[in-house]
Amino acid sequence: MADITRFRFISHLRANPTTHVRHLRNGKLSHDGAGQAFWFRALNSSLSEVPIDDREQPLLFHGRTIDFQDVTVQATVTYRVIDPALASTRLDFGIDPDTGVWRSTPLEQLGGLMTELAQQTALDVLARMNLTEALSEGMASLRQTMSTGLREDQRLTGLGIGVEDVRVVAVRAEREVEKALQTPTREMVQQAADKATYERRAMAVERERSIAENELQNQIELARREEQLVTQRGQNERQRATEAAAAGRIETEAAASRKRALSEAEADAKRVIGAAEAAAEKALLEAYAELDQAKILAMAIKQGALPEIGTLNLTPDLITPLLTRLTSGNQA
């Protein structure tokens, strides 16, 4: 919107660089261009302000396909005024000389016209497509057709309007229909997910089976090695027992041999000692045999061979012979 400053009978206008201002004084063109700044009198001036920047017009409308299905189209049209002089003569862009506000709503009129033209072009395209084509290929077809149709439309070119770009954001069916159309794809995705789940489970079962087989093989191998170990230990024990028995037998035989040799030696020694003692006894007895009884008795008394005498009873029968011997001995 242009800035207008009023000074009693004269006013000053300053426009933005993105607006084209036309000033007619008494019906004659006085100022024409973007970013104008000038003095004017409100009583004899007619002012028009045309925006020349890019404008976007959002579109949302419903259409029907060849199979009688309702679809919703959401799009955006970017346009601008390429001929402000022509646009100011076809649409009312006049502004109040006191406030600078548009006297009417030219942009709303232009937006309504743009919407109707774009909608008409899009409906013609949708009417030749079924629902599946509209949902799958409709965006590209609508964008191309609407862009071409709006650029070549005589009403827009006659208003000095140029279409810069057309963007189709979405083409949607009704909620129930869209959900029904999504069902096969969802089922396929679910089937693929189930298949992947089953394959993953089968793979997990196969891996578990492989692990179980490996564990069983390990257990069998361990049992076989344990059997070998037990057998080897038995063989070692038997060999150890055999060697111990042989060693014990050898040790026993050696001990028996030692005992036998010792016994033989002791027997020989005893025989020698016995023979010597027998010889000594014999010689002693032979010596004693030559002695008389009295000498033997005396020697026995001397050697203490007689038992201890506690009480001695001397009878005349014993003393008489002794005295006789003693007497005879003294006389001799």
C-alpha atoms as a PDB file:
ATOM      1  CA  MET A   1       0.000   0.000   0.000  1.00  0.00           C
ATOM      2  CA  ALA A   2       1.319   3.452  -0.955  1.00  0.00           C
ATOM      3  CA  ASP A   3       2.078   6.049   1.721  1.00  0.00           C
ATOM      4  CA  ILE A   4       0.067   9.216   1.242  1.00  0.00           C
ATOM      5  CA  THR A   5       0.752  12.314   3.277  1.00  0.00           C
ATOM      6  CA  ARG A   6      -1.772  15.136   3.112  1.00  0.00           C
ATOM      7  CA  PHE A   7      -0.867  18.808   3.425  1.00  0.00           C
ATOM      8  CA  ARG A   8      -4.050  20.908   3.234  1.00  0.00           C
ATOM      9  CA  PHE A   9      -4.775  21.199  -0.499  1.00  0.00           C
ATOM     10  CA  ILE A  10      -1.914  19.014  -1.721  1.00  0.00           C
ATOM     11  CA  SER A  11      -0.764  15.483  -0.959  1.00  0.00           C
ATOM     12  CA  HIS A  12       2.373  13.462  -1.404  1.00  0.00           C
ATOM     13  CA  LEU A  13       2.490   9.776  -2.499  1.00  0.00           C
ATOM     14  CA  ARG A  14       5.384   7.401  -2.036  1.00  0.00           C
ATOM     15  CA  ALA A  15       4.995   3.904  -3.524  1.00  0.00           C
ATOM     16  CA  ASN A  16       6.853   0.667  -2.836  1.00  0.00           C
ATOM     17  CA  PRO A  17       9.278  -0.799  -5.391  1.00  0.00           C
ATOM     18  CA  THR A  18       6.953  -3.778  -5.867  1.00  0.00           C
ATOM     19  CA  THR A  19       3.920  -1.689  -6.783  1.00  0.00           C
ATOM     20  CA  HIS A  20       3.190   0.076 -10.061  1.00  0.00           C
ATOM     21  CA  VAL A  21       1.418   3.414  -9.623  1.00  0.00           C
ATOM     22  CA  ARG A  22      -0.505   5.228 -12.378  1.00  0.00           C
ATOM     23  CA  HIS A  23      -1.432   8.887 -11.799  1.00  0.00           C
ATOM     24  CA  LEU A  24      -4.012  10.461 -14.065  1.00  0.00           C
ATOM     25  CA  ARG A  25      -4.493  14.225 -13.796  1.00  0.00           C
ATOM     26  CA  ASN A  26      -7.711  15.377 -15.354  1.00  0.00           C
ATOM     27  CA  GLY A  27      -7.770  12.124 -17.329  1.00  0.00           C
ATOM     28  CA  LYS A  28      -4.227  12.483 -18.632  1.00  0.00           C
ATOM     29  CA  LEU A  29      -1.356  10.271 -17.573  1.00  0.00           C
ATOM     30  CA  SER A  30       0.962  12.171 -15.300  1.00  0.00           C
ATOM     31  CA  HIS A  31       3.004   9.494 -13.511  1.00  0.00           C
ATOM     32  CA  ASP A  32       3.385   5.816 -14.419  1.00  0.00           C
ATOM     33  CA  GLY A  33       5.904   3.375 -12.946  1.00  0.00           C
ATOM     34  CA  ALA A  34       7.091   1.378  -9.933  1.00  0.00           C
ATOM     35  CA  GLY A  35       8.360   3.075  -6.802  1.00  0.00           C
ATOM     36  CA  GLN A  36       6.959   6.476  -7.741  1.00  0.00           C
ATOM     37  CA  ALA A  37       7.024   9.492  -5.411  1.00  0.00           C
ATOM     38  CA  PHE A  38       5.217  12.688  -6.390  1.00  0.00           C
ATOM     39  CA  TRP A  39       2.889  15.496  -5.323  1.00  0.00           C
ATOM     40  CA  PHE A  40      -0.709  15.558  -6.437  1.00  0.00           C
ATOM     41  CA  ARG A  41      -4.012  17.188  -5.776  1.00  0.00           C
ATOM     42  CA  ALA A  42      -6.783  14.858  -4.716  1.00  0.00           C
ATOM     43  CA  LEU A  43      -9.533  16.830  -6.481  1.00  0.00           C
ATOM     44  CA  ASN A  44      -8.194  16.330 -10.033  1.00  0.00           C
ATOM     45  CA  SER A  45      -6.181  13.085  -9.624  1.00  0.00           C
ATOM     46  CA  SER A  46      -7.014   9.430 -10.208  1.00  0.00           C
ATOM     47  CA  LEU A  47      -4.593   6.952  -8.649  1.00  0.00           C
ATOM     48  CA  SER A  48      -4.141   3.225  -9.376  1.00  0.00           C
ATOM     49  CA  GLU A  49      -1.744   0.910  -7.539  1.00  0.00           C
ATOM     50  CA  VAL A  50      -0.979  -2.432  -9.199  1.00  0.00           C
ATOM     51  CA  PRO A  51       1.244  -4.979  -7.345  1.00  0.00           C
ATOM     52  CA  ILE A  52       3.919  -6.378  -9.639  1.00  0.00           C
ATOM     53  CA  ASP A  53       5.495  -8.878  -7.253  1.00  0.00           C
ATOM     54  CA  ASP A  54       4.865 -12.640  -7.429  1.00  0.00           C
ATOM     55  CA  ARG A  55       1.591 -13.715  -5.885  1.00  0.00           C
ATOM     56  CA  GLU A  56       0.524 -17.191  -4.846  1.00  0.00           C
ATOM     57  CA  GLN A  57      -3.021 -18.410  -5.126  1.00  0.00           C
ATOM     58  CA  PRO A  58      -3.796 -21.603  -3.146  1.00  0.00           C
ATOM     59  CA  LEU A  59      -6.356 -23.898  -4.749  1.00  0.00           C
ATOM     60  CA  LEU A  60      -8.493 -26.591  -3.119  1.00  0.00           C
ATOM     61  CA  PHE A  61     -11.344 -28.098  -5.089  1.00  0.00           C
ATOM     62  CA  HIS A  62     -13.137 -31.371  -5.745  1.00  0.00           C
ATOM     63  CA  GLY A  63     -13.406 -33.226  -9.030  1.00  0.00           C
ATOM     64  CA  ARG A  64     -14.998 -36.407 -10.361  1.00  0.00           C
ATOM     65  CA  THR A  65     -13.236 -39.088 -12.346  1.00  0.00           C
ATOM     66  CA  ILE A  66     -14.595 -41.100 -15.240  1.00  0.00           C
ATOM     67  CA  ASP A  67     -15.641 -43.865 -12.828  1.00  0.00           C
ATOM     68  CA  PHE A  68     -17.660 -41.358 -10.740  1.00  0.00           C
ATOM     69  CA  GLN A  69     -15.255 -41.147  -7.850  1.00  0.00           C
ATOM     70  CA  ASP A  70     -14.765 -37.887  -5.995  1.00  0.00           C
ATOM     71  CA  VAL A  71     -11.182 -36.629  -5.602  1.00  0.00           C
ATOM     72  CA  THR A  72      -9.732 -33.573  -3.894  1.00  0.00           C
ATOM     73  CA  VAL A  73      -7.033 -31.524  -5.610  1.00  0.00           C
ATOM     74  CA  GLN A  74      -4.711 -29.235  -3.687  1.00  0.00           C
ATOM     75  CA  ALA A  75      -2.511 -26.925  -5.744  1.00  0.00           C
ATOM     76  CA  THR A  76      -0.809 -23.526  -5.751  1.00  0.00           C
ATOM     77  CA  VAL A  77      -0.536 -21.082  -8.667  1.00  0.00           C
ATOM     78  CA  THR A  78       2.195 -18.446  -8.718  1.00  0.00           C
ATOM     79  CA  TYR A  79       1.422 -15.419 -10.934  1.00  0.00           C
ATOM     80  CA  ARG A  80       2.276 -11.753 -11.353  1.00  0.00           C
ATOM     81  CA  VAL A  81       1.078  -8.718 -13.248  1.00  0.00           C
ATOM     82  CA  ILE A  82       3.307  -8.329 -16.296  1.00  0.00           C
ATOM     83  CA  ASP A  83       1.374  -5.431 -17.857  1.00  0.00           C
ATOM     84  CA  PRO A  84       0.258  -3.063 -15.062  1.00  0.00           C
ATOM     85  CA  ALA A  85      -1.196  -0.503 -17.482  1.00  0.00           C
ATOM     86  CA  LEU A  86      -3.425  -3.109 -19.084  1.00  0.00           C
ATOM     87  CA  ALA A  87      -4.385  -4.616 -15.719  1.00  0.00           C
ATOM     88  CA  SER A  88      -5.344  -1.203 -14.328  1.00  0.00           C
ATOM     89  CA  THR A  89      -7.713  -0.693 -17.252  1.00  0.00           C
ATOM     90  CA  ARG A  90      -9.349  -4.134 -16.889  1.00  0.00           C
ATOM     91  CA  LEU A  91      -9.531  -4.380 -13.116  1.00  0.00           C
ATOM     92  CA  ASP A  92     -10.253  -1.748 -10.544  1.00  0.00           C
ATOM     93  CA  PHE A  93      -6.904  -1.082  -8.819  1.00  0.00           C
ATOM     94  CA  GLY A  94      -7.925   2.484  -7.911  1.00  0.00           C
ATOM     95  CA  ILE A  95      -6.906   3.731  -4.445  1.00  0.00           C
ATOM     96  CA  ASP A  96      -8.334   6.408  -2.193  1.00  0.00           C
ATOM     97  CA  PRO A  97      -6.229   9.582  -2.606  1.00  0.00           C
ATOM     98  CA  ASP A  98      -6.565  10.327   1.081  1.00  0.00           C
ATOM     99  CA  THR A  99      -5.733   6.912   2.630  1.00  0.00           C
ATOM    100  CA  GLY A 100      -4.062   4.920  -0.181  1.00  0.00           C
ATOM    101  CA  VAL A 101      -6.450   1.973   0.328  1.00  0.00           C
ATOM    102  CA  TRP A 102      -7.990   0.110  -2.623  1.00  0.00           C
ATOM    103  CA  ARG A 103     -11.536   1.161  -3.283  1.00  0.00           C
ATOM    104  CA  SER A 104     -12.437  -2.447  -4.263  1.00  0.00           C
ATOM    105  CA  THR A 105     -10.886  -5.923  -3.964  1.00  0.00           C
ATOM    106  CA  PRO A 106      -8.981  -6.484  -7.220  1.00  0.00           C
ATOM    107  CA  LEU A 107      -6.748  -9.227  -5.855  1.00  0.00           C
ATOM    108  CA  GLU A 108      -9.731 -11.224  -4.654  1.00  0.00           C
ATOM    109  CA  GLN A 109     -11.337 -10.895  -8.075  1.00  0.00           C
ATOM    110  CA  LEU A 110      -8.112 -11.973  -9.714  1.00  0.00           C
ATOM    111  CA  GLY A 111      -7.729 -14.887  -7.300  1.00  0.00           C
ATOM    112  CA  GLY A 112     -11.283 -16.037  -7.935  1.00  0.00           C
ATOM    113  CA  LEU A 113     -10.735 -15.871 -11.671  1.00  0.00           C
ATOM    114  CA  MET A 114      -7.461 -17.791 -11.329  1.00  0.00           C
ATOM    115  CA  THR A 115      -9.173 -20.456  -9.223  1.00  0.00           C
ATOM    116  CA  GLU A 116     -12.040 -20.918 -11.654  1.00  0.00           C
ATOM    117  CA  LEU A 117      -9.757 -21.188 -14.671  1.00  0.00           C
ATOM    118  CA  ALA A 118      -7.412 -23.661 -12.938  1.00  0.00           C
ATOM    119  CA  GLN A 119     -10.340 -25.686 -11.608  1.00  0.00           C
ATOM    120  CA  GLN A 120     -11.969 -25.854 -15.039  1.00  0.00           C
ATOM    121  CA  THR A 121      -8.760 -27.116 -16.620  1.00  0.00           C
ATOM    122  CA  ALA A 122      -8.204 -29.676 -13.848  1.00  0.00           C
ATOM    123  CA  LEU A 123     -11.797 -30.956 -14.014  1.00  0.00           C
ATOM    124  CA  ASP A 124     -11.472 -31.557 -17.733  1.00  0.00           C
ATOM    125  CA  VAL A 125      -8.397 -33.686 -17.096  1.00  0.00           C
ATOM    126  CA  LEU A 126      -9.949 -35.612 -14.217  1.00  0.00           C
ATOM    127  CA  ALA A 127     -13.077 -36.344 -16.232  1.00  0.00           C
ATOM    128  CA  ARG A 128     -10.927 -38.396 -18.664  1.00  0.00           C
ATOM    129  CA  MET A 129      -9.140 -40.412 -15.934  1.00  0.00           C
ATOM    130  CA  ASN A 130     -10.268 -43.189 -13.650  1.00  0.00           C
ATOM    131  CA  LEU A 131      -9.590 -43.107  -9.937  1.00  0.00           C
ATOM    132  CA  THR A 132      -6.435 -45.207 -10.060  1.00  0.00           C
ATOM    133  CA  GLU A 133      -4.919 -43.065 -12.808  1.00  0.00           C
ATOM    134  CA  ALA A 134      -5.909 -39.882 -10.996  1.00  0.00           C
ATOM    135  CA  LEU A 135      -4.208 -40.989  -7.812  1.00  0.00           C
ATOM    136  CA  SER A 136      -1.106 -42.419  -9.455  1.00  0.00           C
ATOM    137  CA  GLU A 137      -0.543 -40.093 -12.439  1.00  0.00           C
ATOM    138  CA  GLY A 138      -2.896 -37.222 -11.707  1.00  0.00           C
ATOM    139  CA  MET A 139      -0.403 -34.890 -10.069  1.00  0.00           C
ATOM    140  CA  ALA A 140       1.947 -34.731 -13.068  1.00  0.00           C
ATOM    141  CA  SER A 141      -0.881 -34.562 -15.607  1.00  0.00           C
ATOM    142  CA  LEU A 142      -2.746 -31.882 -13.700  1.00  0.00           C
ATOM    143  CA  ARG A 143       0.381 -29.804 -13.163  1.00  0.00           C
ATOM    144  CA  GLN A 144       1.300 -29.849 -16.839  1.00  0.00           C
ATOM    145  CA  THR A 145      -2.247 -29.284 -18.092  1.00  0.00           C
ATOM    146  CA  MET A 146      -3.028 -26.493 -15.624  1.00  0.00           C
ATOM    147  CA  SER A 147       0.281 -24.729 -16.321  1.00  0.00           C
ATOM    148  CA  THR A 148      -0.261 -24.861 -20.072  1.00  0.00           C
ATOM    149  CA  GLY A 149      -3.924 -23.917 -19.839  1.00  0.00           C
ATOM    150  CA  LEU A 150      -3.397 -20.915 -17.562  1.00  0.00           C
ATOM    151  CA  ARG A 151      -0.469 -19.570 -19.570  1.00  0.00           C
ATOM    152  CA  GLU A 152      -2.451 -19.790 -22.802  1.00  0.00           C
ATOM    153  CA  ASP A 153      -5.751 -18.516 -21.403  1.00  0.00           C
ATOM    154  CA  GLN A 154      -6.910 -15.421 -23.266  1.00  0.00           C
ATOM    155  CA  ARG A 155      -8.615 -13.877 -20.274  1.00  0.00           C
ATOM    156  CA  LEU A 156      -5.438 -13.848 -18.224  1.00  0.00           C
ATOM    157  CA  THR A 157      -3.293 -12.557 -21.063  1.00  0.00           C
ATOM    158  CA  GLY A 158      -5.960  -9.950 -21.757  1.00  0.00           C
ATOM    159  CA  LEU A 159      -5.660  -8.808 -18.135  1.00  0.00           C
ATOM    160  CA  GLY A 160      -1.868  -8.577 -18.356  1.00  0.00           C
ATOM    161  CA  ILE A 161      -1.419 -11.519 -15.953  1.00  0.00           C
ATOM    162  CA  GLY A 162       1.386 -14.010 -16.392  1.00  0.00           C
ATOM    163  CA  VAL A 163       1.493 -17.427 -14.707  1.00  0.00           C
ATOM    164  CA  GLU A 164       4.936 -18.224 -13.350  1.00  0.00           C
ATOM    165  CA  ASP A 165       4.439 -21.682 -11.851  1.00  0.00           C
ATOM    166  CA  VAL A 166       1.798 -24.275 -11.019  1.00  0.00           C
ATOM    167  CA  ARG A 167       2.336 -26.814  -8.227  1.00  0.00           C
ATOM    168  CA  VAL A 168      -0.057 -29.660  -7.521  1.00  0.00           C
ATOM    169  CA  VAL A 169       0.486 -30.698  -3.944  1.00  0.00           C
ATOM    170  CA  ALA A 170      -1.905 -33.616  -3.615  1.00  0.00           C
ATOM    171  CA  VAL A 171      -4.664 -35.563  -5.305  1.00  0.00           C
ATOM    172  CA  ARG A 172      -6.673 -37.434  -2.666  1.00  0.00           C
ATOM    173  CA  ALA A 173      -9.692 -39.686  -2.819  1.00  0.00           C
ATOM    174  CA  GLU A 174     -12.353 -39.967  -0.153  1.00  0.00           C
ATOM    175  CA  ARG A 175     -11.217 -41.445   3.128  1.00  0.00           C
ATOM    176  CA  GLU A 176     -13.117 -44.730   2.793  1.00  0.00           C
ATOM    177  CA  VAL A 177     -12.133 -45.173  -0.864  1.00  0.00           C
ATOM    178  CA  GLU A 178      -8.514 -44.315  -0.166  1.00  0.00           C
ATOM    179  CA  LYS A 179      -8.463 -46.769   2.711  1.00  0.00           C
ATOM    180  CA  ALA A 180      -9.962 -49.463   0.488  1.00  0.00           C
ATOM    181  CA  LEU A 181      -7.361 -48.759  -2.206  1.00  0.00           C
ATOM    182  CA  GLN A 182      -4.618 -48.983   0.380  1.00  0.00           C
ATOM    183  CA  THR A 183      -5.845 -52.359   1.617  1.00  0.00           C
ATOM    184  CA  PRO A 184      -4.232 -54.529  -1.134  1.00  0.00           C
ATOM    185  CA  THR A 185      -0.930 -52.750  -0.726  1.00  0.00           C
ATOM    186  CA  ARG A 186      -1.162 -53.064   3.039  1.00  0.00           C
ATOM    187  CA  GLU A 187      -1.957 -56.751   2.647  1.00  0.00           C
ATOM    188  CA  MET A 188       1.034 -57.185   0.345  1.00  0.00           C
ATOM    189  CA  VAL A 189       3.255 -55.334   2.784  1.00  0.00           C
ATOM    190  CA  GLN A 190       1.837 -57.401   5.647  1.00  0.00           C
ATOM    191  CA  GLN A 191       2.398 -60.596   3.668  1.00  0.00           C
ATOM    192  CA  ALA A 192       5.953 -59.531   2.929  1.00  0.00           C
ATOM    193  CA  ALA A 193       6.436 -58.734   6.619  1.00  0.00           C
ATOM    194  CA  ASP A 194       4.919 -62.097   7.600  1.00  0.00           C
ATOM    195  CA  LYS A 195       7.126 -63.848   5.060  1.00  0.00           C
ATOM    196  CA  ALA A 196      10.168 -62.084   6.437  1.00  0.00           C
ATOM    197  CA  THR A 197       9.060 -63.025   9.957  1.00  0.00           C
ATOM    198  CA  TYR A 198       8.549 -66.664   8.963  1.00  0.00           C
ATOM    199  CA  GLU A 199      11.887 -66.741   7.169  1.00  0.00           C
ATOM    200  CA  ARG A 200      13.561 -65.187  10.178  1.00  0.00           C
ATOM    201  CA  ARG A 201      11.901 -67.728  12.469  1.00  0.00           C
ATOM    202  CA  ALA A 202      12.833 -70.579  10.106  1.00  0.00           C
ATOM    203  CA  MET A 203      16.381 -69.308  10.002  1.00  0.00           C
ATOM    204  CA  ALA A 204      16.405 -69.060  13.785  1.00  0.00           C
ATOM    205  CA  VAL A 205      15.046 -72.629  14.058  1.00  0.00           C
ATOM    206  CA  GLU A 206      17.647 -73.836  11.567  1.00  0.00           C
ATOM    207  CA  ARG A 207      20.370 -72.116  13.531  1.00  0.00           C
ATOM    208  CA  GLU A 208      19.062 -73.564  16.774  1.00  0.00           C
ATOM    209  CA  ARG A 209      18.999 -77.015  15.143  1.00  0.00           C
ATOM    210  CA  SER A 210      22.569 -76.535  13.939  1.00  0.00           C
ATOM    211  CA  ILE A 211      23.595 -75.436  17.407  1.00  0.00           C
ATOM    212  CA  ALA A 212      21.820 -78.438  18.960  1.00  0.00           C
ATOM    213  CA  GLU A 213      23.496 -80.792  16.470  1.00  0.00           C
ATOM    214  CA  ASN A 214      26.858 -79.224  17.215  1.00  0.00           C
ATOM    215  CA  GLU A 215      26.246 -79.602  20.931  1.00  0.00           C
ATOM    216  CA  LEU A 216      25.184 -83.248  20.411  1.00  0.00           C
ATOM    217  CA  GLN A 217      28.267 -83.921  18.306  1.00  0.00           C
ATOM    218  CA  ASN A 218      30.384 -82.285  20.989  1.00  0.00           C
ATOM    219  CA  GLN A 219      28.748 -84.443  23.657  1.00  0.00           C
ATOM    220  CA  ILE A 220      29.289 -87.582  21.553  1.00  0.00           C
ATOM    221  CA  GLU A 221      32.914 -86.620  20.983  1.00  0.00           C
ATOM    222  CA  LEU A 222      33.354 -85.900  24.691  1.00  0.00           C
ATOM    223  CA  ALA A 223      31.756 -89.261  25.578  1.00  0.00           C
ATOM    224  CA  ARG A 224      34.011 -91.051  23.103  1.00  0.00           C
ATOM    225  CA  ARG A 225      37.068 -89.329  24.499  1.00  0.00           C
ATOM    226  CA  GLU A 226      35.893 -90.053  28.031  1.00  0.00           C
ATOM    227  CA  GLU A 227      35.541 -93.724  27.073  1.00  0.00           C
ATOM    228  CA  GLN A 228      39.039 -93.664  25.664  1.00  0.00           C
ATOM    229  CA  LEU A 229      40.215 -91.978  28.833  1.00  0.00           C
ATOM    230  CA  VAL A 230      38.536 -94.603  31.040  1.00  0.00           C
ATOM    231  CA  THR A 231      39.990 -97.405  28.903  1.00  0.00           C
ATOM    232  CA  GLN A 232      43.416 -95.854  29.015  1.00  0.00           C
ATOM    233  CA  ARG A 233      43.139 -95.333  32.759  1.00  0.00           C
ATOM    234  CA  GLY A 234      42.117 -99.005  33.181  1.00  0.00           C
ATOM    235  CA  GLN A 235      45.044-100.092  31.088  1.00  0.00           C
ATOM    236  CA  ASN A 236      47.316 -97.845  33.127  1.00  0.00           C
ATOM    237  CA  GLU A 237      45.903 -99.219  36.387  1.00  0.00           C
ATOM    238  CA  ARG A 238      46.280-102.809  35.185  1.00  0.00           C
ATOM    239  CA  GLN A 239      49.807-102.113  34.039  1.00  0.00           C
ATOM    240  CA  ARG A 240      50.549-100.350  37.306  1.00  0.00           C
ATOM    241  CA  ALA A 241      49.055-103.274  39.294  1.00  0.00           C
ATOM    242  CA  THR A 242      50.994-105.787  37.187  1.00  0.00           C
ATOM    243  CA  GLU A 243      54.190-103.869  37.691  1.00  0.00           C
ATOM    244  CA  ALA A 244      53.440-103.483  41.396  1.00  0.00           C
ATOM    245  CA  ALA A 245      52.715-107.225  41.697  1.00  0.00           C
ATOM    246  CA  ALA A 246      55.901-108.068  39.847  1.00  0.00           C
ATOM    247  CA  ALA A 247      57.843-105.671  42.024  1.00  0.00           C
ATOM    248  CA  GLY A 248      56.197-107.131  45.136  1.00  0.00           C
ATOM    249  CA  ARG A 249      56.960-110.640  43.963  1.00  0.00           C
ATOM    250  CA  ILE A 250      60.553-109.728  43.321  1.00  0.00           C
ATOM    251  CA  GLU A 251      60.729-107.977  46.659  1.00  0.00           C
ATOM    252  CA  THR A 252      59.139-110.962  48.403  1.00  0.00           C
ATOM    253  CA  GLU A 253      61.494-113.374  46.696  1.00  0.00           C
ATOM    254  CA  ALA A 254      64.412-111.165  47.651  1.00  0.00           C
ATOM    255  CA  ALA A 255      63.194-110.956  51.249  1.00  0.00           C
ATOM    256  CA  ALA A 256      62.666-114.727  51.321  1.00  0.00           C
ATOM    257  CA  SER A 257      66.109-115.246  49.880  1.00  0.00           C
ATOM    258  CA  ARG A 258      67.554-112.896  52.475  1.00  0.00           C
ATOM    259  CA  LYS A 259      65.665-114.638  55.266  1.00  0.00           C
ATOM    260  CA  ARG A 260      66.671-118.042  53.951  1.00  0.00           C
ATOM    261  CA  ALA A 261      70.298-117.017  53.719  1.00  0.00           C
ATOM    262  CA  LEU A 262      70.098-115.438  57.191  1.00  0.00           C
ATOM    263  CA  SER A 263      68.426-118.548  58.582  1.00  0.00           C
ATOM    264  CA  GLU A 264      71.029-120.744  56.992  1.00  0.00           C
ATOM    265  CA  ALA A 265      73.758-118.537  58.397  1.00  0.00           C
ATOM    266  CA  GLU A 266      72.173-118.566  61.827  1.00  0.00           C
ATOM    267  CA  ALA A 267      71.685-122.320  61.633  1.00  0.00           C
ATOM    268  CA  ASP A 268      75.325-122.785  60.623  1.00  0.00           C
ATOM    269  CA  ALA A 269      76.388-120.488  63.429  1.00  0.00           C
ATOM    270  CA  LYS A 270      74.213-122.316  65.881  1.00  0.00           C
ATOM    271  CA  ARG A 271      75.567-125.654  64.669  1.00  0.00           C
ATOM    272  CA  VAL A 272      79.120-124.405  65.015  1.00  0.00           C
ATOM    273  CA  ILE A 273      78.371-122.924  68.436  1.00  0.00           C
ATOM    274  CA  GLY A 274      76.496-126.061  69.466  1.00  0.00           C
ATOM    275  CA  ALA A 275      79.316-128.225  68.272  1.00  0.00           C
ATOM    276  CA  ALA A 276      81.809-126.077  70.162  1.00  0.00           C
ATOM    277  CA  GLU A 277      79.653-126.092  73.262  1.00  0.00           C
ATOM    278  CA  ALA A 278      79.144-129.824  72.945  1.00  0.00           C
ATOM    279  CA  ALA A 279      82.851-130.328  72.583  1.00  0.00           C
ATOM    280  CA  ALA A 280      83.496-128.118  75.586  1.00  0.00           C
ATOM    281  CA  GLU A 281      80.862-129.947  77.609  1.00  0.00           C
ATOM    282  CA  LYS A 282      82.315-133.237  76.544  1.00  0.00           C
ATOM    283  CA  ALA A 283      85.785-132.174  77.511  1.00  0.00           C
ATOM    284  CA  LEU A 284      84.432-130.828  80.803  1.00  0.00           C
ATOM    285  CA  LEU A 285      82.563-134.011  81.499  1.00  0.00           C
ATOM    286  CA  GLU A 286      85.643-136.032  80.628  1.00  0.00           C
ATOM    287  CA  ALA A 287      87.607-133.871  83.072  1.00  0.00           C
ATOM    288  CA  TYR A 288      84.943-134.290  85.712  1.00  0.00           C
ATOM    289  CA  ALA A 289      84.896-138.009  85.130  1.00  0.00           C
ATOM    290  CA  GLU A 290      88.501-138.307  86.251  1.00  0.00           C
ATOM    291  CA  LEU A 291      87.779-136.478  89.518  1.00  0.00           C
ATOM    292  CA  ASP A 292      86.354-138.153  92.593  1.00  0.00           C
ATOM    293  CA  GLN A 293      83.038-137.247  94.111  1.00  0.00           C
ATOM    294  CA  ALA A 294      84.431-135.094  96.870  1.00  0.00           C
ATOM    295  CA  LYS A 295      86.328-132.847  94.494  1.00  0.00           C
ATOM    296  CA  ILE A 296      83.320-132.502  92.267  1.00  0.00           C
ATOM    297  CA  LEU A 297      81.201-131.571  95.285  1.00  0.00           C
ATOM    298  CA  ALA A 298      83.783-129.079  96.417  1.00  0.00           C
ATOM    299  CA  MET A 299      83.958-127.504  93.000  1.00  0.00           C
ATOM    300  CA  ALA A 300      80.221-127.292  92.869  1.00  0.00           C
ATOM    301  CA  ILE A 301      80.155-125.599  96.244  1.00  0.00           C
ATOM    302  CA  LYS A 302      82.904-123.240  95.132  1.00  0.00           C
ATOM    303  CA  GLN A 303      81.126-122.300  91.976  1.00  0.00           C
ATOM    304  CA  GLY A 304      77.857-121.847  93.839  1.00  0.00           C
ATOM    305  CA  ALA A 305      76.105-124.493  91.907  1.00  0.00           C
ATOM    306  CA  LEU A 306      74.475-125.909  94.962  1.00  0.00           C
ATOM    307  CA  PRO A 307      71.179-124.462  96.128  1.00  0.00           C
ATOM    308  CA  GLU A 308      71.034-122.136  99.131  1.00  0.00           C
ATOM    309  CA  ILE A 309      70.880-124.072 102.390  1.00  0.00           C
ATOM    310  CA  GLY A 310      68.584-122.550 104.964  1.00  0.00           C
ATOM    311  CA  THR A 311      68.844-125.167 107.659  1.00  0.00           C
ATOM    312  CA  LEU A 312      71.522-127.907 107.920  1.00  0.00           C
ATOM    313  CA  ASN A 313      70.871-130.976 109.986  1.00  0.00           C
ATOM    314  CA  LEU A 314      74.014-132.950 110.727  1.00  0.00           C
ATOM    315  CA  THR A 315      73.432-136.529 111.682  1.00  0.00           C
ATOM    316  CA  PRO A 316      75.907-138.944 113.018  1.00  0.00           C
ATOM    317  CA  ASP A 317      75.679-140.881 109.820  1.00  0.00           C
ATOM    318  CA  LEU A 318      76.935-137.875 107.854  1.00  0.00           C
ATOM    319  CA  ILE A 319      79.531-136.580 110.252  1.00  0.00           C
ATOM    320  CA  THR A 320      81.206-139.869 111.021  1.00  0.00           C
ATOM    321  CA  PRO A 321      82.506-140.532 107.496  1.00  0.00           C
ATOM    322  CA  LEU A 322      83.646-136.946 107.148  1.00  0.00           C
ATOM    323  CA  LEU A 323      85.501-137.003 110.407  1.00  0.00           C
ATOM    324  CA  THR A 324      87.008-140.306 109.494  1.00  0.00           C
ATOM    325  CA  ARG A 325      88.300-138.841 106.227  1.00  0.00           C
ATOM    326  CA  LEU A 326      89.562-135.781 107.876  1.00  0.00           C
ATOM    327  CA  THR A 327      91.350-137.819 110.495  1.00  0.00           C
ATOM    328  CA  SER A 328      92.876-140.083 107.993  1.00  0.00           C
ATOM    329  CA  GLY A 329      93.927-137.172 105.963  1.00  0.00           C
ATOM    330  CA  ASN A 330      95.654-135.514 108.863  1.00  0.00           C
ATOM    331  CA  GLN A 331      97.547-138.684 109.724  1.00  0.00           C
ATOM    332  CA  ALA A 332      98.768-139.036 106.291  1.00  0.00           C
END
